[in-house]
Amino acid sequence: MMAPFGSGQQRALAMLVAAGGNGLTQQFLAGCHLGADTVADLIEKGFASLTHEKVRGGSKMVEVGKVRITEAGRKALDREG
């Protein structure tokens, strides 16, 4: 049976599970060598979601993209287990 996602995507989902409800920023995932294509594919498949949030960065408010795992992503990761 073919995996629903590649090893990079599986690693990203595992990281998102570990992050809990807060998710991870796109910048953090990129810093972990998980490219935008990897994350975009997870979102397109419904395994992850992306929201834009404003957070305080020093004295400024900045907008960041937060990636969170979806229930479908959790189930797919469990199946791959």
PDB file of N, CA and C in Angstrom:
ATOM      1  N   MET A   1       0.846  -1.191   0.000  1.00  0.00           N
ATOM      2  CA  MET A   1       0.000   0.000   0.000  1.00  0.00           C
ATOM      3  C   MET A   1       0.889   1.251   0.000  1.00  0.00           C
ATOM      4  N   MET A   2       0.598   2.174  -0.871  1.00  0.00           N
ATOM      5  CA  MET A   2       1.398   3.389  -0.993  1.00  0.00           C
ATOM      6  C   MET A   2       1.028   4.378   0.113  1.00  0.00           C
ATOM      7  N   ALA A   3       2.064   5.004   0.694  1.00  0.00           N
ATOM      8  CA  ALA A   3       1.841   6.000   1.744  1.00  0.00           C
ATOM      9  C   ALA A   3       1.110   7.199   1.171  1.00  0.00           C
ATOM     10  N   PRO A   4       0.205   7.808   1.963  1.00  0.00           N
ATOM     11  CA  PRO A   4      -0.507   8.982   1.462  1.00  0.00           C
ATOM     12  C   PRO A   4       0.382  10.218   1.385  1.00  0.00           C
ATOM     13  N   PHE A   5       1.564  10.147   1.961  1.00  0.00           N
ATOM     14  CA  PHE A   5       2.469  11.283   1.924  1.00  0.00           C
ATOM     15  C   PHE A   5       3.907  10.803   2.009  1.00  0.00           C
ATOM     16  N   GLY A   6       4.839  11.666   1.586  1.00  0.00           N
ATOM     17  CA  GLY A   6       6.256  11.338   1.594  1.00  0.00           C
ATOM     18  C   GLY A   6       6.870  11.478   2.978  1.00  0.00           C
ATOM     19  N   SER A   7       8.150  11.131   3.086  1.00  0.00           N
ATOM     20  CA  SER A   7       8.818  11.158   4.383  1.00  0.00           C
ATOM     21  C   SER A   7       8.894  12.571   4.963  1.00  0.00           C
ATOM     22  N   GLY A   8       9.103  13.584   4.100  1.00  0.00           N
ATOM     23  CA  GLY A   8       9.120  14.966   4.587  1.00  0.00           C
ATOM     24  C   GLY A   8       7.770  15.379   5.130  1.00  0.00           C
ATOM     25  N   GLN A   9       6.716  14.951   4.448  1.00  0.00           N
ATOM     26  CA  GLN A   9       5.374  15.268   4.910  1.00  0.00           C
ATOM     27  C   GLN A   9       5.066  14.531   6.211  1.00  0.00           C
ATOM     28  N   GLN A  10       5.520  13.294   6.301  1.00  0.00           N
ATOM     29  CA  GLN A  10       5.304  12.526   7.529  1.00  0.00           C
ATOM     30  C   GLN A  10       6.031  13.192   8.698  1.00  0.00           C
ATOM     31  N   ARG A  11       7.241  13.665   8.458  1.00  0.00           N
ATOM     32  CA  ARG A  11       8.005  14.366   9.495  1.00  0.00           C
ATOM     33  C   ARG A  11       7.306  15.653   9.906  1.00  0.00           C
ATOM     34  N   ALA A  12       6.768  16.393   8.925  1.00  0.00           N
ATOM     35  CA  ALA A  12       6.041  17.629   9.217  1.00  0.00           C
ATOM     36  C   ALA A  12       4.811  17.343  10.072  1.00  0.00           C
ATOM     37  N   LEU A  13       4.069  16.305   9.719  1.00  0.00           N
ATOM     38  CA  LEU A  13       2.875  15.969  10.501  1.00  0.00           C
ATOM     39  C   LEU A  13       3.246  15.571  11.923  1.00  0.00           C
ATOM     40  N   ALA A  14       4.322  14.805  12.081  1.00  0.00           N
ATOM     41  CA  ALA A  14       4.764  14.417  13.423  1.00  0.00           C
ATOM     42  C   ALA A  14       5.133  15.652  14.243  1.00  0.00           C
ATOM     43  N   MET A  15       5.782  16.621  13.612  1.00  0.00           N
ATOM     44  CA  MET A  15       6.134  17.860  14.302  1.00  0.00           C
ATOM     45  C   MET A  15       4.880  18.641  14.688  1.00  0.00           C
ATOM     46  N   LEU A  16       3.882  18.648  13.807  1.00  0.00           N
ATOM     47  CA  LEU A  16       2.635  19.358  14.095  1.00  0.00           C
ATOM     48  C   LEU A  16       1.875  18.705  15.237  1.00  0.00           C
ATOM     49  N   VAL A  17       1.906  17.374  15.305  1.00  0.00           N
ATOM     50  CA  VAL A  17       1.275  16.676  16.431  1.00  0.00           C
ATOM     51  C   VAL A  17       1.954  17.093  17.728  1.00  0.00           C
ATOM     52  N   ALA A  18       3.286  17.091  17.718  1.00  0.00           N
ATOM     53  CA  ALA A  18       4.040  17.446  18.920  1.00  0.00           C
ATOM     54  C   ALA A  18       3.795  18.893  19.347  1.00  0.00           C
ATOM     55  N   ALA A  19       3.502  19.765  18.386  1.00  0.00           N
ATOM     56  CA  ALA A  19       3.264  21.180  18.688  1.00  0.00           C
ATOM     57  C   ALA A  19       1.922  21.405  19.375  1.00  0.00           C
ATOM     58  N   GLY A  20       1.024  20.448  19.244  1.00  0.00           N
ATOM     59  CA  GLY A  20      -0.282  20.602  19.871  1.00  0.00           C
ATOM     60  C   GLY A  20      -1.147  21.621  19.142  1.00  0.00           C
ATOM     61  N   GLY A  21      -2.075  22.201  19.859  1.00  0.00           N
ATOM     62  CA  GLY A  21      -3.042  23.127  19.272  1.00  0.00           C
ATOM     63  C   GLY A  21      -2.458  24.425  18.769  1.00  0.00           C
ATOM     64  N   ASN A  22      -1.267  24.789  19.217  1.00  0.00           N
ATOM     65  CA  ASN A  22      -0.651  26.038  18.763  1.00  0.00           C
ATOM     66  C   ASN A  22      -0.153  25.950  17.334  1.00  0.00           C
ATOM     67  N   GLY A  23       0.170  24.757  16.873  1.00  0.00           N
ATOM     68  CA  GLY A  23       0.718  24.613  15.539  1.00  0.00           C
ATOM     69  C   GLY A  23       2.115  25.196  15.455  1.00  0.00           C
ATOM     70  N   LEU A  24       2.619  25.318  14.240  1.00  0.00           N
ATOM     71  CA  LEU A  24       3.958  25.843  13.992  1.00  0.00           C
ATOM     72  C   LEU A  24       3.884  26.897  12.902  1.00  0.00           C
ATOM     73  N   THR A  25       4.793  27.839  12.945  1.00  0.00           N
ATOM     74  CA  THR A  25       4.806  28.855  11.897  1.00  0.00           C
ATOM     75  C   THR A  25       5.424  28.276  10.628  1.00  0.00           C
ATOM     76  N   GLN A  26       5.033  28.872   9.514  1.00  0.00           N
ATOM     77  CA  GLN A  26       5.619  28.481   8.239  1.00  0.00           C
ATOM     78  C   GLN A  26       7.134  28.691   8.280  1.00  0.00           C
ATOM     79  N   GLN A  27       7.576  29.755   8.912  1.00  0.00           N
ATOM     80  CA  GLN A  27       8.988  30.063   8.996  1.00  0.00           C
ATOM     81  C   GLN A  27       9.742  28.975   9.763  1.00  0.00           C
ATOM     82  N   PHE A  28       9.155  28.485  10.838  1.00  0.00           N
ATOM     83  CA  PHE A  28       9.790  27.419  11.619  1.00  0.00           C
ATOM     84  C   PHE A  28       9.921  26.161  10.777  1.00  0.00           C
ATOM     85  N   LEU A  29       8.848  25.788  10.085  1.00  0.00           N
ATOM     86  CA  LEU A  29       8.895  24.592   9.251  1.00  0.00           C
ATOM     87  C   LEU A  29       9.936  24.731   8.152  1.00  0.00           C
ATOM     88  N   ALA A  30      10.029  25.919   7.577  1.00  0.00           N
ATOM     89  CA  ALA A  30      11.046  26.160   6.547  1.00  0.00           C
ATOM     90  C   ALA A  30      12.445  26.015   7.132  1.00  0.00           C
ATOM     91  N   GLY A  31      12.630  26.478   8.358  1.00  0.00           N
ATOM     92  CA  GLY A  31      13.915  26.351   9.032  1.00  0.00           C
ATOM     93  C   GLY A  31      14.283  24.908   9.346  1.00  0.00           C
ATOM     94  N   CYS A  32      13.278  24.037   9.358  1.00  0.00           N
ATOM     95  CA  CYS A  32      13.507  22.603   9.570  1.00  0.00           C
ATOM     96  C   CYS A  32      13.637  21.866   8.240  1.00  0.00           C
ATOM     97  N   HIS A  33      13.886  22.625   7.189  1.00  0.00           N
ATOM     98  CA  HIS A  33      14.070  22.084   5.832  1.00  0.00           C
ATOM     99  C   HIS A  33      12.822  21.402   5.295  1.00  0.00           C
ATOM    100  N   LEU A  34      11.667  21.938   5.656  1.00  0.00           N
ATOM    101  CA  LEU A  34      10.393  21.482   5.108  1.00  0.00           C
ATOM    102  C   LEU A  34       9.885  22.617   4.228  1.00  0.00           C
ATOM    103  N   GLY A  35      10.016  22.444   2.932  1.00  0.00           N
ATOM    104  CA  GLY A  35       9.705  23.494   1.988  1.00  0.00           C
ATOM    105  C   GLY A  35       8.234  23.826   1.895  1.00  0.00           C
ATOM    106  N   ALA A  36       7.973  24.938   1.268  1.00  0.00           N
ATOM    107  CA  ALA A  36       6.600  25.402   1.083  1.00  0.00           C
ATOM    108  C   ALA A  36       5.772  24.394   0.295  1.00  0.00           C
ATOM    109  N   ASP A  37       6.400  23.702  -0.665  1.00  0.00           N
ATOM    110  CA  ASP A  37       5.673  22.700  -1.447  1.00  0.00           C
ATOM    111  C   ASP A  37       5.200  21.552  -0.577  1.00  0.00           C
ATOM    112  N   THR A  38       6.027  21.144   0.371  1.00  0.00           N
ATOM    113  CA  THR A  38       5.668  20.054   1.285  1.00  0.00           C
ATOM    114  C   THR A  38       4.459  20.443   2.113  1.00  0.00           C
ATOM    115  N   VAL A  39       4.512  21.626   2.693  1.00  0.00           N
ATOM    116  CA  VAL A  39       3.419  22.102   3.543  1.00  0.00           C
ATOM    117  C   VAL A  39       2.160  22.346   2.708  1.00  0.00           C
ATOM    118  N   ALA A  40       2.319  22.946   1.540  1.00  0.00           N
ATOM    119  CA  ALA A  40       1.167  23.219   0.667  1.00  0.00           C
ATOM    120  C   ALA A  40       0.465  21.928   0.270  1.00  0.00           C
ATOM    121  N   ASP A  41       1.244  20.882   0.012  1.00  0.00           N
ATOM    122  CA  ASP A  41       0.643  19.603  -0.367  1.00  0.00           C
ATOM    123  C   ASP A  41      -0.159  19.017   0.793  1.00  0.00           C
ATOM    124  N   LEU A  42       0.347  19.129   2.010  1.00  0.00           N
ATOM    125  CA  LEU A  42      -0.390  18.648   3.184  1.00  0.00           C
ATOM    126  C   LEU A  42      -1.707  19.406   3.342  1.00  0.00           C
ATOM    127  N   ILE A  43      -1.664  20.708   3.113  1.00  0.00           N
ATOM    128  CA  ILE A  43      -2.873  21.532   3.227  1.00  0.00           C
ATOM    129  C   ILE A  43      -3.864  21.161   2.129  1.00  0.00           C
ATOM    130  N   GLU A  44      -3.358  20.992   0.913  1.00  0.00           N
ATOM    131  CA  GLU A  44      -4.215  20.639  -0.220  1.00  0.00           C
ATOM    132  C   GLU A  44      -4.897  19.284  -0.012  1.00  0.00           C
ATOM    133  N   LYS A  45      -4.192  18.343   0.611  1.00  0.00           N
ATOM    134  CA  LYS A  45      -4.742  17.007   0.871  1.00  0.00           C
ATOM    135  C   LYS A  45      -5.664  16.989   2.088  1.00  0.00           C
ATOM    136  N   GLY A  46      -5.714  18.097   2.833  1.00  0.00           N
ATOM    137  CA  GLY A  46      -6.577  18.176   4.015  1.00  0.00           C
ATOM    138  C   GLY A  46      -5.939  17.631   5.276  1.00  0.00           C
ATOM    139  N   PHE A  47      -4.616  17.370   5.249  1.00  0.00           N
ATOM    140  CA  PHE A  47      -3.918  16.845   6.414  1.00  0.00           C
ATOM    141  C   PHE A  47      -3.461  17.946   7.362  1.00  0.00           C
ATOM    142  N   ALA A  48      -3.448  19.179   6.878  1.00  0.00           N
ATOM    143  CA  ALA A  48      -3.037  20.325   7.698  1.00  0.00           C
ATOM    144  C   ALA A  48      -3.849  21.540   7.266  1.00  0.00           C
ATOM    145  N   SER A  49      -3.868  22.547   8.133  1.00  0.00           N
ATOM    146  CA  SER A  49      -4.562  23.792   7.806  1.00  0.00           C
ATOM    147  C   SER A  49      -3.612  24.955   8.050  1.00  0.00           C
ATOM    148  N   LEU A  50      -3.900  26.057   7.385  1.00  0.00           N
ATOM    149  CA  LEU A  50      -3.090  27.262   7.510  1.00  0.00           C
ATOM    150  C   LEU A  50      -3.984  28.422   7.890  1.00  0.00           C
ATOM    151  N   THR A  51      -3.588  29.137   8.924  1.00  0.00           N
ATOM    152  CA  THR A  51      -4.276  30.364   9.304  1.00  0.00           C
ATOM    153  C   THR A  51      -3.230  31.469   9.418  1.00  0.00           C
ATOM    154  N   HIS A  52      -3.672  32.696   9.244  1.00  0.00           N
ATOM    155  CA  HIS A  52      -2.785  33.850   9.410  1.00  0.00           C
ATOM    156  C   HIS A  52      -3.178  34.535  10.700  1.00  0.00           C
ATOM    157  N   GLU A  53      -2.191  34.763  11.549  1.00  0.00           N
ATOM    158  CA  GLU A  53      -2.436  35.356  12.855  1.00  0.00           C
ATOM    159  C   GLU A  53      -1.452  36.488  13.106  1.00  0.00           C
ATOM    160  N   LYS A  54      -1.874  37.435  13.892  1.00  0.00           N
ATOM    161  CA  LYS A  54      -0.979  38.527  14.302  1.00  0.00           C
ATOM    162  C   LYS A  54      -0.414  38.185  15.676  1.00  0.00           C
ATOM    163  N   VAL A  55       0.905  38.283  15.755  1.00  0.00           N
ATOM    164  CA  VAL A  55       1.593  38.024  17.014  1.00  0.00           C
ATOM    165  C   VAL A  55       2.544  39.188  17.285  1.00  0.00           C
ATOM    166  N   ARG A  56       2.880  39.364  18.539  1.00  0.00           N
ATOM    167  CA  ARG A  56       3.786  40.443  18.902  1.00  0.00           C
ATOM    168  C   ARG A  56       5.219  39.984  18.687  1.00  0.00           C
ATOM    169  N   GLY A  57       5.944  40.751  17.919  1.00  0.00           N
ATOM    170  CA  GLY A  57       7.367  40.523  17.688  1.00  0.00           C
ATOM    171  C   GLY A  57       8.120  41.728  18.218  1.00  0.00           C
ATOM    172  N   GLY A  58       8.517  41.663  19.472  1.00  0.00           N
ATOM    173  CA  GLY A  58       9.123  42.834  20.111  1.00  0.00           C
ATOM    174  C   GLY A  58       8.045  43.872  20.347  1.00  0.00           C
ATOM    175  N   SER A  59       8.215  45.070  19.782  1.00  0.00           N
ATOM    176  CA  SER A  59       7.225  46.129  19.973  1.00  0.00           C
ATOM    177  C   SER A  59       6.239  46.208  18.808  1.00  0.00           C
ATOM    178  N   LYS A  60       6.403  45.329  17.825  1.00  0.00           N
ATOM    179  CA  LYS A  60       5.538  45.368  16.639  1.00  0.00           C
ATOM    180  C   LYS A  60       4.630  44.151  16.580  1.00  0.00           C
ATOM    181  N   MET A  61       3.492  44.330  15.934  1.00  0.00           N
ATOM    182  CA  MET A  61       2.610  43.204  15.625  1.00  0.00           C
ATOM    183  C   MET A  61       2.963  42.740  14.213  1.00  0.00           C
ATOM    184  N   VAL A  62       3.200  41.459  14.070  1.00  0.00           N
ATOM    185  CA  VAL A  62       3.531  40.903  12.758  1.00  0.00           C
ATOM    186  C   VAL A  62       2.565  39.767  12.448  1.00  0.00           C
ATOM    187  N   GLU A  63       2.304  39.579  11.156  1.00  0.00           N
ATOM    188  CA  GLU A  63       1.417  38.498  10.742  1.00  0.00           C
ATOM    189  C   GLU A  63       2.261  37.284  10.391  1.00  0.00           C
ATOM    190  N   VAL A  64       1.866  36.133  10.941  1.00  0.00           N
ATOM    191  CA  VAL A  64       2.560  34.881  10.647  1.00  0.00           C
ATOM    192  C   VAL A  64       1.544  33.855  10.156  1.00  0.00           C
ATOM    193  N   GLY A  65       2.014  32.923   9.361  1.00  0.00           N
ATOM    194  CA  GLY A  65       1.191  31.798   8.929  1.00  0.00           C
ATOM    195  C   GLY A  65       1.389  30.656   9.907  1.00  0.00           C
ATOM    196  N   LYS A  66       0.306  30.187  10.525  1.00  0.00           N
ATOM    197  CA  LYS A  66       0.362  29.074  11.475  1.00  0.00           C
ATOM    198  C   LYS A  66      -0.194  27.835  10.802  1.00  0.00           C
ATOM    199  N   VAL A  67       0.565  26.748  10.864  1.00  0.00           N
ATOM    200  CA  VAL A  67       0.155  25.477  10.285  1.00  0.00           C
ATOM    201  C   VAL A  67      -0.204  24.536  11.427  1.00  0.00           C
ATOM    202  N   ARG A  68      -1.365  23.914  11.311  1.00  0.00           N
ATOM    203  CA  ARG A  68      -1.837  22.967  12.323  1.00  0.00           C
ATOM    204  C   ARG A  68      -2.275  21.677  11.638  1.00  0.00           C
ATOM    205  N   ILE A  69      -2.106  20.579  12.338  1.00  0.00           N
ATOM    206  CA  ILE A  69      -2.550  19.300  11.806  1.00  0.00           C
ATOM    207  C   ILE A  69      -4.074  19.215  11.938  1.00  0.00           C
ATOM    208  N   THR A  70      -4.720  18.552  10.983  1.00  0.00           N
ATOM    209  CA  THR A  70      -6.158  18.339  11.038  1.00  0.00           C
ATOM    210  C   THR A  70      -6.427  16.922  11.558  1.00  0.00           C
ATOM    211  N   GLU A  71      -7.673  16.641  11.832  1.00  0.00           N
ATOM    212  CA  GLU A  71      -8.042  15.294  12.270  1.00  0.00           C
ATOM    213  C   GLU A  71      -7.682  14.268  11.190  1.00  0.00           C
ATOM    214  N   ALA A  72      -7.895  14.627   9.927  1.00  0.00           N
ATOM    215  CA  ALA A  72      -7.526  13.727   8.819  1.00  0.00           C
ATOM    216  C   ALA A  72      -6.016  13.468   8.832  1.00  0.00           C
ATOM    217  N   GLY A  73      -5.237  14.475   9.132  1.00  0.00           N
ATOM    218  CA  GLY A  73      -3.789  14.314   9.226  1.00  0.00           C
ATOM    219  C   GLY A  73      -3.389  13.399  10.355  1.00  0.00           C
ATOM    220  N   ARG A  74      -4.056  13.528  11.496  1.00  0.00           N
ATOM    221  CA  ARG A  74      -3.781  12.646  12.636  1.00  0.00           C
ATOM    222  C   ARG A  74      -4.093  11.197  12.280  1.00  0.00           C
ATOM    223  N   LYS A  75      -5.224  10.994  11.650  1.00  0.00           N
ATOM    224  CA  LYS A  75      -5.619   9.628  11.277  1.00  0.00           C
ATOM    225  C   LYS A  75      -4.646   9.038  10.265  1.00  0.00           C
ATOM    226  N   ALA A  76      -4.234   9.832   9.281  1.00  0.00           N
ATOM    227  CA  ALA A  76      -3.292   9.343   8.271  1.00  0.00           C
ATOM    228  C   ALA A  76      -1.947   9.004   8.913  1.00  0.00           C
ATOM    229  N   LEU A  77      -1.506   9.828   9.846  1.00  0.00           N
ATOM    230  CA  LEU A  77      -0.241   9.579  10.532  1.00  0.00           C
ATOM    231  C   LEU A  77      -0.332   8.318  11.370  1.00  0.00           C
ATOM    232  N   ASP A  78      -1.464   8.113  12.049  1.00  0.00           N
ATOM    233  CA  ASP A  78      -1.675   6.903  12.839  1.00  0.00           C
ATOM    234  C   ASP A  78      -1.632   5.650  11.965  1.00  0.00           C
ATOM    235  N   ARG A  79      -2.228   5.737  10.775  1.00  0.00           N
ATOM    236  CA  ARG A  79      -2.227   4.588   9.860  1.00  0.00           C
ATOM    237  C   ARG A  79      -0.807   4.236   9.424  1.00  0.00           C
ATOM    238  N   GLU A  80       0.030   5.256   9.258  1.00  0.00           N
ATOM    239  CA  GLU A  80       1.409   5.041   8.824  1.00  0.00           C
ATOM    240  C   GLU A  80       2.269   4.508   9.949  1.00  0.00           C
ATOM    241  N   GLY A  81       1.881   4.887  11.196  1.00  0.00           N
ATOM    242  CA  GLY A  81       2.502   4.582  12.429  1.00  0.00           C
ATOM    243  C   GLY A  81       3.714   3.839  12.476  1.00  0.00           C
TER     244      GLY A  81
END
